[in-house]
Protein backbone atom coordinates (compact mmCIF):
# COMPACT_ATOMS: atom_id res chain seq x y z
CA MET A 1 3.71 -53.24 -23.99
CA PRO A 2 0.00 -53.88 -24.50
CA LEU A 3 -2.15 -55.10 -21.63
CA SER A 4 -3.61 -58.58 -21.67
CA GLU A 5 -7.37 -58.98 -21.96
CA HIS A 6 -7.66 -59.79 -18.26
CA GLU A 7 -5.58 -56.75 -17.29
CA GLN A 8 -7.68 -54.51 -19.54
CA ARG A 9 -10.89 -55.72 -17.88
CA LEU A 10 -9.40 -55.13 -14.43
CA PHE A 11 -8.22 -51.70 -15.46
CA GLU A 12 -11.67 -50.77 -16.80
CA GLN A 13 -13.32 -52.05 -13.62
CA ILE A 14 -10.98 -49.98 -11.44
CA GLU A 15 -11.58 -46.96 -13.68
CA ARG A 16 -15.37 -47.30 -13.34
CA SER A 17 -15.22 -47.69 -9.57
CA LEU A 18 -12.97 -44.64 -9.22
CA ALA A 19 -15.24 -42.58 -11.48
CA GLU A 20 -18.20 -43.41 -9.22
CA ASP A 21 -16.40 -42.33 -6.03
CA PRO A 22 -17.16 -38.60 -5.47
CA LYS A 23 -14.70 -38.33 -2.57
CA PHE A 24 -11.84 -39.57 -4.74
CA ALA A 25 -12.88 -37.30 -7.61
CA SER A 26 -12.87 -34.23 -5.35
CA ALA A 27 -9.46 -35.23 -3.93
CA VAL A 28 -8.01 -35.53 -7.42
CA ARG A 29 -9.59 -32.25 -8.53
CA ALA A 30 -8.28 -30.47 -5.43
CA SER A 31 -4.74 -31.64 -6.15
CA ASP A 32 -4.86 -30.73 -9.84
CA PRO A 33 -2.47 -27.81 -10.48
CA ARG A 34 -4.69 -26.52 -13.31
CA PHE A 35 -7.59 -26.17 -10.86
CA HIS A 36 -5.45 -24.06 -8.52
CA ALA A 37 -4.05 -21.99 -11.38
CA ARG A 38 -7.55 -21.24 -12.67
CA ARG A 39 -8.65 -20.20 -9.19
CA ARG A 40 -5.59 -17.94 -8.74
CA LEU A 41 -6.26 -16.30 -12.11
CA LEU A 42 -9.87 -15.61 -11.15
CA VAL A 43 -8.77 -14.10 -7.83
CA ALA A 44 -6.18 -11.96 -9.64
CA ALA A 45 -8.83 -10.76 -12.12
CA GLY A 46 -11.10 -9.76 -9.25
CA VAL A 47 -8.30 -7.86 -7.52
CA VAL A 48 -7.43 -6.10 -10.81
CA ILE A 49 -11.06 -4.92 -11.02
CA VAL A 50 -10.92 -3.69 -7.41
CA GLY A 51 -7.65 -1.87 -8.17
CA LEU A 52 -9.18 -0.28 -11.26
CA ALA A 53 -12.16 0.85 -9.21
CA LEU A 54 -9.81 2.40 -6.62
CA LEU A 55 -7.87 4.13 -9.38
CA VAL A 56 -10.99 5.61 -10.96
CA TYR A 57 -12.52 6.56 -7.61
CA GLY A 58 -9.26 8.23 -6.52
CA ALA A 59 -9.16 10.18 -9.79
CA VAL A 60 -12.83 11.24 -9.52
CA ILE A 61 -12.58 12.51 -5.94
CA LYS A 62 -9.14 14.01 -6.72
CA THR A 63 -7.20 11.99 -4.15
CA PRO A 64 -3.89 11.02 -5.80
CA PRO A 65 -2.74 8.64 -3.01
CA LEU A 66 -5.90 6.57 -3.46
CA ALA A 67 -5.46 6.50 -7.24
CA VAL A 68 -1.81 5.47 -6.87
CA ALA A 69 -2.82 2.77 -4.38
CA GLY A 70 -5.35 1.45 -6.92
CA PHE A 71 -2.66 1.35 -9.58
CA VAL A 72 -0.27 -0.52 -7.25
CA VAL A 73 -3.01 -3.03 -6.39
CA MET A 74 -3.66 -3.59 -10.11
CA LEU A 75 0.04 -4.01 -10.81
CA ALA A 76 0.49 -6.50 -7.96
CA ALA A 77 -2.54 -8.52 -9.10
CA LEU A 78 -1.25 -8.66 -12.67
CA GLY A 79 2.14 -9.85 -11.38
CA TYR A 80 0.39 -12.54 -9.34
CA ALA A 81 -1.60 -13.62 -12.40
CA VAL A 82 1.51 -13.87 -14.58
CA GLN A 83 3.31 -15.85 -11.88
CA SER A 84 0.33 -18.19 -11.54
CA GLN A 85 0.16 -18.70 -15.29
CA ARG A 86 3.87 -19.53 -15.46
CA ARG A 87 3.56 -21.93 -12.55
CA ALA A 88 0.61 -23.63 -14.27
CA GLN A 89 2.66 -24.15 -17.41
CA SER A 90 5.69 -25.54 -15.58
CA PRO A 91 6.61 -29.10 -16.56
CA ASP A 92 6.28 -30.45 -13.00
CA LEU A 93 3.74 -33.19 -12.53
CA HIS A 94 1.76 -33.35 -9.30
CA VAL A 95 0.44 -36.66 -8.02
CA VAL A 96 -2.17 -37.27 -5.34
CA GLY A 97 -0.28 -37.85 -2.10
CA GLY A 98 3.04 -36.42 -3.34
CA THR A 99 4.86 -34.67 -6.10
CA THR A 100 7.16 -35.80 -8.84
CA SER A 101 8.79 -34.04 -11.73
CA ARG A 102 9.14 -35.05 -15.33
CA ARG A 103 12.68 -35.80 -16.44
CA ARG A 104 14.05 -33.63 -19.22
CA PRO A 105 16.59 -34.76 -21.77
CA ARG A 106 20.09 -33.53 -21.02
CA GLY A 107 20.92 -30.19 -22.54
CA ARG A 108 17.26 -29.21 -22.99
CA THR A 109 15.55 -26.92 -20.55
CA GLY A 110 12.04 -27.24 -21.99
CA ARG A 111 12.20 -23.74 -23.36
CA ARG A 112 12.19 -22.69 -26.97
CA PRO A 113 15.73 -22.55 -28.39
CA SER A 114 17.16 -19.08 -28.85
CA PHE A 115 18.14 -17.58 -32.18
CA LEU A 116 21.82 -18.38 -31.59
CA ASP A 117 20.98 -22.00 -30.65
CA ARG A 118 19.04 -22.43 -33.89
CA MET A 119 21.81 -20.89 -35.98
CA GLU A 120 24.41 -23.10 -34.31
CA GLU A 121 22.27 -26.18 -35.01
CA ARG A 122 21.87 -25.17 -38.67
CA TRP A 123 25.64 -24.68 -38.93
CA ARG A 124 26.25 -28.20 -37.60
CA GLN A 125 23.70 -29.74 -39.97
CA ARG A 126 24.82 -28.02 -43.18
CA PRO A 127 25.93 -30.24 -46.09
CA GLU A 128 29.56 -31.45 -46.14
CA GLY A 129 30.41 -29.66 -49.40
CA HIS A 130 29.86 -26.20 -47.89
CA ARG A 131 32.50 -26.40 -45.18
């Protein structure tokens, strides 16, 4: 349903006043899940670099426990990065002051259908003469 002219003007006025409020902008940015995901990925990348440095240093000074520790740190950081990336791509919507989630149609999980699901759908949609 389209907005009336008066409602559009009010909406634009509210939009301008919110854009000019730096406190509100920082609150919205701080609650944005993409902002947090980006920060977590940067932290994970830094920890991977530290783990790689430990691994190389442990190999150079011939201290296997230090090299193994560096590898474990790298592995943990990569796991954290993958988890953060998955969380960032989740279909949940976050709102300032609370959270809400997007409703999904029944029977759909938001994931790509598997090979068997696609074959089953093709079987159901085949022409009548081929049954």
